[in-house]
PDB file of N, CA and C in Angstrom:
ATOM      1  N   UNK A   1      13.966  52.118 -24.970  1.00  0.00           N
ATOM      2  CA  UNK A   1      14.494  51.580 -23.918  1.00  0.00           C
ATOM      3  C   UNK A   1      13.931  49.804 -23.429  1.00  0.00           C
ATOM      4  N   UNK A   2      14.930  48.953 -23.195  1.00  0.00           N
ATOM      5  CA  UNK A   2      13.948  47.680 -23.258  1.00  0.00           C
ATOM      6  C   UNK A   2      13.872  47.406 -21.404  1.00  0.00           C
ATOM      7  N   UNK A   3      12.751  47.085 -21.207  1.00  0.00           N
ATOM      8  CA  UNK A   3      12.986  46.628 -20.167  1.00  0.00           C
ATOM      9  C   UNK A   3      12.340  44.865 -20.211  1.00  0.00           C
ATOM     10  N   UNK A   4      12.616  44.649 -18.883  1.00  0.00           N
ATOM     11  CA  UNK A   4      11.923  43.129 -18.534  1.00  0.00           C
ATOM     12  C   UNK A   4      10.908  43.066 -17.634  1.00  0.00           C
ATOM     13  N   UNK A   5       9.892  42.515 -18.104  1.00  0.00           N
ATOM     14  CA  UNK A   5       8.643  42.458 -17.423  1.00  0.00           C
ATOM     15  C   UNK A   5       9.138  40.923 -15.909  1.00  0.00           C
ATOM     16  N   UNK A   6       8.952  41.764 -14.558  1.00  0.00           N
ATOM     17  CA  UNK A   6       9.290  40.694 -13.414  1.00  0.00           C
ATOM     18  C   UNK A   6       8.399  39.663 -13.307  1.00  0.00           C
ATOM     19  N   UNK A   7       7.548  38.918 -13.935  1.00  0.00           N
ATOM     20  CA  UNK A   7       6.329  38.286 -13.706  1.00  0.00           C
ATOM     21  C   UNK A   7       6.613  37.030 -14.878  1.00  0.00           C
ATOM     22  N   UNK A   8       6.440  37.731 -16.158  1.00  0.00           N
ATOM     23  CA  UNK A   8       6.377  37.177 -17.406  1.00  0.00           C
ATOM     24  C   UNK A   8       7.546  37.083 -18.198  1.00  0.00           C
ATOM     25  N   UNK A   9       8.401  37.288 -18.208  1.00  0.00           N
ATOM     26  CA  UNK A   9       9.920  37.396 -18.505  1.00  0.00           C
ATOM     27  C   UNK A   9       9.776  38.298 -19.812  1.00  0.00           C
ATOM     28  N   UNK A  10       8.586  38.898 -20.383  1.00  0.00           N
ATOM     29  CA  UNK A  10       8.575  39.656 -21.602  1.00  0.00           C
ATOM     30  C   UNK A  10       9.525  40.947 -21.570  1.00  0.00           C
ATOM     31  N   UNK A  11       9.840  40.969 -22.643  1.00  0.00           N
ATOM     32  CA  UNK A  11      10.985  42.296 -22.876  1.00  0.00           C
ATOM     33  C   UNK A  11      10.239  43.075 -23.837  1.00  0.00           C
ATOM     34  N   UNK A  12       9.949  44.588 -23.472  1.00  0.00           N
ATOM     35  CA  UNK A  12       9.001  45.479 -24.065  1.00  0.00           C
ATOM     36  C   UNK A  12      10.258  46.664 -24.602  1.00  0.00           C
ATOM     37  N   UNK A  13      10.033  47.027 -25.707  1.00  0.00           N
ATOM     38  CA  UNK A  13      10.844  48.131 -25.976  1.00  0.00           C
ATOM     39  C   UNK A  13       9.733  49.214 -25.944  1.00  0.00           C
ATOM     40  N   UNK A  14      10.126  50.431 -24.844  1.00  0.00           N
ATOM     41  CA  UNK A  14       9.526  51.556 -24.209  1.00  0.00           C
ATOM     42  C   UNK A  14      10.796  52.831 -25.145  1.00  0.00           C
ATOM     43  N   UNK A  15       9.666  53.775 -26.136  1.00  0.00           N
ATOM     44  CA  UNK A  15      10.198  54.549 -27.142  1.00  0.00           C
ATOM     45  C   UNK A  15      11.309  55.283 -26.397  1.00  0.00           C
ATOM     46  N   UNK A  16      10.801  55.947 -25.467  1.00  0.00           N
ATOM     47  CA  UNK A  16      11.449  57.057 -24.776  1.00  0.00           C
ATOM     48  C   UNK A  16      11.419  56.858 -22.945  1.00  0.00           C
ATOM     49  N   UNK A  17      12.281  57.495 -22.283  1.00  0.00           N
ATOM     50  CA  UNK A  17      12.249  57.263 -20.661  1.00  0.00           C
ATOM     51  C   UNK A  17      11.192  57.515 -20.328  1.00  0.00           C
ATOM     52  N   UNK A  18      10.447  58.899 -21.033  1.00  0.00           N
ATOM     53  CA  UNK A  18       9.443  59.645 -20.055  1.00  0.00           C
ATOM     54  C   UNK A  18       8.121  58.364 -20.503  1.00  0.00           C
ATOM     55  N   UNK A  19       8.156  57.679 -21.329  1.00  0.00           N
ATOM     56  CA  UNK A  19       6.671  56.548 -21.420  1.00  0.00           C
ATOM     57  C   UNK A  19       7.077  55.116 -20.644  1.00  0.00           C
ATOM     58  N   UNK A  20       8.230  54.588 -19.855  1.00  0.00           N
ATOM     59  CA  UNK A  20       8.672  53.776 -19.702  1.00  0.00           C
ATOM     60  C   UNK A  20       7.952  53.676 -18.216  1.00  0.00           C
ATOM     61  N   UNK A  21       7.468  52.832 -17.678  1.00  0.00           N
ATOM     62  CA  UNK A  21       6.481  52.740 -16.288  1.00  0.00           C
ATOM     63  C   UNK A  21       7.839  53.287 -15.403  1.00  0.00           C
ATOM     64  N   UNK A  22       7.333  52.813 -14.073  1.00  0.00           N
ATOM     65  CA  UNK A  22       8.821  52.797 -12.648  1.00  0.00           C
ATOM     66  C   UNK A  22       9.202  51.412 -13.210  1.00  0.00           C
ATOM     67  N   UNK A  23      10.568  51.634 -12.901  1.00  0.00           N
ATOM     68  CA  UNK A  23      11.149  50.345 -12.624  1.00  0.00           C
ATOM     69  C   UNK A  23      12.551  49.787 -12.115  1.00  0.00           C
ATOM     70  N   UNK A  24      12.908  48.874 -11.790  1.00  0.00           N
ATOM     71  CA  UNK A  24      14.251  48.455 -10.780  1.00  0.00           C
ATOM     72  C   UNK A  24      15.270  48.441 -12.099  1.00  0.00           C
ATOM     73  N   UNK A  25      16.377  48.761 -11.285  1.00  0.00           N
ATOM     74  CA  UNK A  25      17.972  48.712 -12.126  1.00  0.00           C
ATOM     75  C   UNK A  25      18.813  47.314 -11.312  1.00  0.00           C
ATOM     76  N   UNK A  26      19.130  46.472 -12.122  1.00  0.00           N
ATOM     77  CA  UNK A  26      20.172  45.448 -11.724  1.00  0.00           C
ATOM     78  C   UNK A  26      21.567  46.397 -12.178  1.00  0.00           C
ATOM     79  N   UNK A  27      22.293  46.553 -10.889  1.00  0.00           N
ATOM     80  CA  UNK A  27      23.507  46.817 -11.411  1.00  0.00           C
ATOM     81  C   UNK A  27      24.534  45.921 -11.140  1.00  0.00           C
ATOM     82  N   UNK A  28      25.468  45.104 -11.694  1.00  0.00           N
ATOM     83  CA  UNK A  28      25.889  44.209 -10.935  1.00  0.00           C
ATOM     84  C   UNK A  28      27.566  44.292 -12.344  1.00  0.00           C
ATOM     85  N   UNK A  29      28.332  43.277 -12.018  1.00  0.00           N
ATOM     86  CA  UNK A  29      29.663  43.036 -12.722  1.00  0.00           C
ATOM     87  C   UNK A  29      29.377  42.190 -13.305  1.00  0.00           C
ATOM     88  N   UNK A  30      30.153  41.835 -14.525  1.00  0.00           N
ATOM     89  CA  UNK A  30      30.083  40.984 -15.504  1.00  0.00           C
ATOM     90  C   UNK A  30      30.910  39.864 -15.290  1.00  0.00           C
ATOM     91  N   UNK A  31      30.121  38.398 -15.123  1.00  0.00           N
ATOM     92  CA  UNK A  31      30.779  37.578 -14.686  1.00  0.00           C
ATOM     93  C   UNK A  31      30.822  36.402 -15.989  1.00  0.00           C
ATOM     94  N   UNK A  32      31.013  35.084 -15.170  1.00  0.00           N
ATOM     95  CA  UNK A  32      30.661  34.242 -16.670  1.00  0.00           C
ATOM     96  C   UNK A  32      29.655  33.353 -17.009  1.00  0.00           C
ATOM     97  N   UNK A  33      29.045  33.367 -18.151  1.00  0.00           N
ATOM     98  CA  UNK A  33      28.184  33.041 -18.588  1.00  0.00           C
ATOM     99  C   UNK A  33      26.819  34.410 -18.261  1.00  0.00           C
ATOM    100  N   UNK A  34      27.469  35.077 -18.539  1.00  0.00           N
ATOM    101  CA  UNK A  34      26.157  36.092 -19.025  1.00  0.00           C
ATOM    102  C   UNK A  34      25.011  35.869 -20.044  1.00  0.00           C
ATOM    103  N   UNK A  35      23.993  36.159 -19.834  1.00  0.00           N
ATOM    104  CA  UNK A  35      22.925  36.093 -20.615  1.00  0.00           C
ATOM    105  C   UNK A  35      23.123  37.593 -21.244  1.00  0.00           C
ATOM    106  N   UNK A  36      23.272  37.557 -22.358  1.00  0.00           N
ATOM    107  CA  UNK A  36      23.116  38.667 -23.458  1.00  0.00           C
ATOM    108  C   UNK A  36      21.758  39.169 -23.856  1.00  0.00           C
ATOM    109  N   UNK A  37      21.558  40.330 -24.533  1.00  0.00           N
ATOM    110  CA  UNK A  37      20.536  40.975 -24.657  1.00  0.00           C
ATOM    111  C   UNK A  37      20.005  40.033 -26.191  1.00  0.00           C
ATOM    112  N   UNK A  38      21.050  39.999 -26.927  1.00  0.00           N
ATOM    113  CA  UNK A  38      20.205  38.945 -28.138  1.00  0.00           C
ATOM    114  C   UNK A  38      19.776  37.552 -27.832  1.00  0.00           C
ATOM    115  N   UNK A  39      20.488  36.984 -26.664  1.00  0.00           N
ATOM    116  CA  UNK A  39      20.190  35.492 -26.193  1.00  0.00           C
ATOM    117  C   UNK A  39      18.492  36.111 -25.172  1.00  0.00           C
ATOM    118  N   UNK A  40      18.226  37.024 -24.850  1.00  0.00           N
ATOM    119  CA  UNK A  40      16.999  37.079 -24.086  1.00  0.00           C
ATOM    120  C   UNK A  40      15.930  37.331 -25.218  1.00  0.00           C
ATOM    121  N   UNK A  41      16.136  37.819 -26.430  1.00  0.00           N
ATOM    122  CA  UNK A  41      15.261  37.984 -27.533  1.00  0.00           C
ATOM    123  C   UNK A  41      15.128  36.742 -28.299  1.00  0.00           C
ATOM    124  N   UNK A  42      15.933  35.772 -28.448  1.00  0.00           N
ATOM    125  CA  UNK A  42      15.970  35.126 -29.563  1.00  0.00           C
ATOM    126  C   UNK A  42      15.829  33.508 -28.899  1.00  0.00           C
ATOM    127  N   UNK A  43      16.452  32.992 -27.561  1.00  0.00           N
ATOM    128  CA  UNK A  43      16.904  31.849 -27.177  1.00  0.00           C
ATOM    129  C   UNK A  43      15.421  31.377 -26.268  1.00  0.00           C
ATOM    130  N   UNK A  44      15.214  30.309 -26.558  1.00  0.00           N
ATOM    131  CA  UNK A  44      13.957  29.788 -25.217  1.00  0.00           C
ATOM    132  C   UNK A  44      14.658  29.551 -23.666  1.00  0.00           C
ATOM    133  N   UNK A  45      13.294  30.484 -22.673  1.00  0.00           N
ATOM    134  CA  UNK A  45      14.233  30.297 -21.656  1.00  0.00           C
ATOM    135  C   UNK A  45      14.544  29.170 -21.009  1.00  0.00           C
ATOM    136  N   UNK A  46      14.076  28.069 -21.482  1.00  0.00           N
ATOM    137  CA  UNK A  46      14.728  26.836 -20.532  1.00  0.00           C
ATOM    138  C   UNK A  46      16.491  26.809 -21.114  1.00  0.00           C
ATOM    139  N   UNK A  47      16.353  27.116 -22.044  1.00  0.00           N
ATOM    140  CA  UNK A  47      18.316  27.771 -22.517  1.00  0.00           C
ATOM    141  C   UNK A  47      18.938  28.364 -21.614  1.00  0.00           C
ATOM    142  N   UNK A  48      18.175  29.440 -21.455  1.00  0.00           N
ATOM    143  CA  UNK A  48      19.401  30.712 -21.281  1.00  0.00           C
ATOM    144  C   UNK A  48      18.985  30.361 -19.357  1.00  0.00           C
ATOM    145  N   UNK A  49      17.851  29.830 -18.568  1.00  0.00           N
ATOM    146  CA  UNK A  49      17.914  29.526 -17.651  1.00  0.00           C
ATOM    147  C   UNK A  49      19.084  28.694 -17.069  1.00  0.00           C
ATOM    148  N   UNK A  50      20.060  27.806 -17.665  1.00  0.00           N
ATOM    149  CA  UNK A  50      20.662  27.150 -17.679  1.00  0.00           C
ATOM    150  C   UNK A  50      22.007  27.847 -17.502  1.00  0.00           C
ATOM    151  N   UNK A  51      22.259  29.309 -17.971  1.00  0.00           N
ATOM    152  CA  UNK A  51      23.196  29.850 -17.503  1.00  0.00           C
ATOM    153  C   UNK A  51      23.570  30.622 -16.170  1.00  0.00           C
ATOM    154  N   UNK A  52      24.578  30.641 -15.785  1.00  0.00           N
ATOM    155  CA  UNK A  52      25.008  30.835 -14.365  1.00  0.00           C
ATOM    156  C   UNK A  52      24.603  32.883 -14.520  1.00  0.00           C
ATOM    157  N   UNK A  53      24.478  33.226 -15.404  1.00  0.00           N
ATOM    158  CA  UNK A  53      24.587  34.893 -14.990  1.00  0.00           C
ATOM    159  C   UNK A  53      22.651  34.825 -14.979  1.00  0.00           C
ATOM    160  N   UNK A  54      22.194  34.168 -15.254  1.00  0.00           N
ATOM    161  CA  UNK A  54      20.428  33.825 -15.199  1.00  0.00           C
ATOM    162  C   UNK A  54      20.193  33.954 -13.801  1.00  0.00           C
ATOM    163  N   UNK A  55      21.168  33.097 -12.908  1.00  0.00           N
ATOM    164  CA  UNK A  55      20.409  33.486 -11.675  1.00  0.00           C
ATOM    165  C   UNK A  55      20.323  34.733 -10.920  1.00  0.00           C
ATOM    166  N   UNK A  56      21.137  35.970 -11.190  1.00  0.00           N
ATOM    167  CA  UNK A  56      21.096  37.061 -10.976  1.00  0.00           C
ATOM    168  C   UNK A  56      19.772  37.636 -11.350  1.00  0.00           C
ATOM    169  N   UNK A  57      20.104  37.691 -12.636  1.00  0.00           N
ATOM    170  CA  UNK A  57      18.559  38.620 -13.211  1.00  0.00           C
ATOM    171  C   UNK A  57      17.142  37.824 -12.684  1.00  0.00           C
ATOM    172  N   UNK A  58      17.278  36.671 -12.553  1.00  0.00           N
ATOM    173  CA  UNK A  58      15.636  35.947 -12.024  1.00  0.00           C
ATOM    174  C   UNK A  58      15.836  36.382 -10.598  1.00  0.00           C
ATOM    175  N   UNK A  59      16.823  36.608  -9.589  1.00  0.00           N
ATOM    176  CA  UNK A  59      16.815  36.869  -8.421  1.00  0.00           C
ATOM    177  C   UNK A  59      16.169  38.537  -8.642  1.00  0.00           C
ATOM    178  N   UNK A  60      16.984  39.623  -9.310  1.00  0.00           N
ATOM    179  CA  UNK A  60      16.688  40.543  -9.166  1.00  0.00           C
ATOM    180  C   UNK A  60      14.787  40.821  -9.854  1.00  0.00           C
ATOM    181  N   UNK A  61      14.683  40.059 -10.271  1.00  0.00           N
ATOM    182  CA  UNK A  61      12.855  40.128 -10.755  1.00  0.00           C
ATOM    183  C   UNK A  61      12.677  39.648  -9.538  1.00  0.00           C
ATOM    184  N   UNK A  62      12.578  38.704  -8.850  1.00  0.00           N
ATOM    185  CA  UNK A  62      11.898  38.751  -8.095  1.00  0.00           C
ATOM    186  C   UNK A  62      11.748  39.644  -6.587  1.00  0.00           C
ATOM    187  N   UNK A  63      12.933  40.366  -6.423  1.00  0.00           N
ATOM    188  CA  UNK A  63      13.213  41.048  -5.591  1.00  0.00           C
ATOM    189  C   UNK A  63      12.459  42.469  -6.007  1.00  0.00           C
ATOM    190  N   UNK A  64      12.310  42.635  -7.223  1.00  0.00           N
ATOM    191  CA  UNK A  64      11.733  43.639  -7.603  1.00  0.00           C
ATOM    192  C   UNK A  64      10.282  43.833  -7.664  1.00  0.00           C
ATOM    193  N   UNK A  65       9.629  42.382  -8.061  1.00  0.00           N
ATOM    194  CA  UNK A  65       8.230  42.239  -7.955  1.00  0.00           C
ATOM    195  C   UNK A  65       7.995  42.315  -6.631  1.00  0.00           C
ATOM    196  N   UNK A  66       8.834  41.675  -5.401  1.00  0.00           N
ATOM    197  CA  UNK A  66       8.312  41.895  -3.913  1.00  0.00           C
ATOM    198  C   UNK A  66       8.204  43.315  -3.761  1.00  0.00           C
ATOM    199  N   UNK A  67       9.322  44.254  -4.458  1.00  0.00           N
ATOM    200  CA  UNK A  67       9.188  45.842  -3.939  1.00  0.00           C
ATOM    201  C   UNK A  67       7.910  46.553  -4.425  1.00  0.00           C
ATOM    202  N   UNK A  68       7.294  45.815  -5.488  1.00  0.00           N
ATOM    203  CA  UNK A  68       6.334  46.506  -6.327  1.00  0.00           C
ATOM    204  C   UNK A  68       6.651  47.121  -7.522  1.00  0.00           C
ATOM    205  N   UNK A  69       7.949  46.389  -8.174  1.00  0.00           N
ATOM    206  CA  UNK A  69       8.276  46.859  -9.433  1.00  0.00           C
ATOM    207  C   UNK A  69       7.595  45.863 -10.720  1.00  0.00           C
ATOM    208  N   UNK A  70       6.983  46.273 -11.685  1.00  0.00           N
ATOM    209  CA  UNK A  70       6.635  45.185 -12.521  1.00  0.00           C
ATOM    210  C   UNK A  70       7.556  45.083 -13.549  1.00  0.00           C
ATOM    211  N   UNK A  71       8.592  45.829 -13.663  1.00  0.00           N
ATOM    212  CA  UNK A  71       9.718  45.949 -14.920  1.00  0.00           C
ATOM    213  C   UNK A  71      10.889  46.430 -14.349  1.00  0.00           C
ATOM    214  N   UNK A  72      11.961  45.607 -14.733  1.00  0.00           N
ATOM    215  CA  UNK A  72      13.557  45.927 -14.394  1.00  0.00           C
ATOM    216  C   UNK A  72      14.284  46.623 -15.901  1.00  0.00           C
ATOM    217  N   UNK A  73      15.039  47.000 -15.714  1.00  0.00           N
ATOM    218  CA  UNK A  73      16.315  47.153 -16.587  1.00  0.00           C
ATOM    219  C   UNK A  73      17.472  46.400 -16.122  1.00  0.00           C
ATOM    220  N   UNK A  74      17.726  46.068 -17.083  1.00  0.00           N
ATOM    221  CA  UNK A  74      19.482  45.059 -17.077  1.00  0.00           C
ATOM    222  C   UNK A  74      20.206  45.314 -17.855  1.00  0.00           C
ATOM    223  N   UNK A  75      21.455  45.478 -17.488  1.00  0.00           N
ATOM    224  CA  UNK A  75      22.671  45.997 -18.562  1.00  0.00           C
ATOM    225  C   UNK A  75      23.300  44.730 -18.901  1.00  0.00           C
ATOM    226  N   UNK A  76      22.563  44.167 -20.082  1.00  0.00           N
ATOM    227  CA  UNK A  76      23.464  42.796 -21.119  1.00  0.00           C
ATOM    228  C   UNK A  76      23.428  42.971 -22.276  1.00  0.00           C
TER     229      UNK A  76
END
C-alpha cells in the first residue's frame, strides 16, 4: 500500500495494511488533469503541481496534517 507523506510529499510503500501507520483517505471523483500514480513517482513536483487535480491532493494533505495525520492514501 502506497501512502503519501502530508509534509514531505514522499511516497512510501508499506508491505501490508498492518504495517502502515495511521492515515487519512482522500475519497474523490475523477476530473480533468488528475495526477496519476506514475506521475507522483517519476515527474518533478513543479510539473505535477500545475495540474488541476493536484489542488485537491495538496488540500487533503494540508487538512490531514492539521488533523494529526502524517500520511494519506489517494486513489490515483
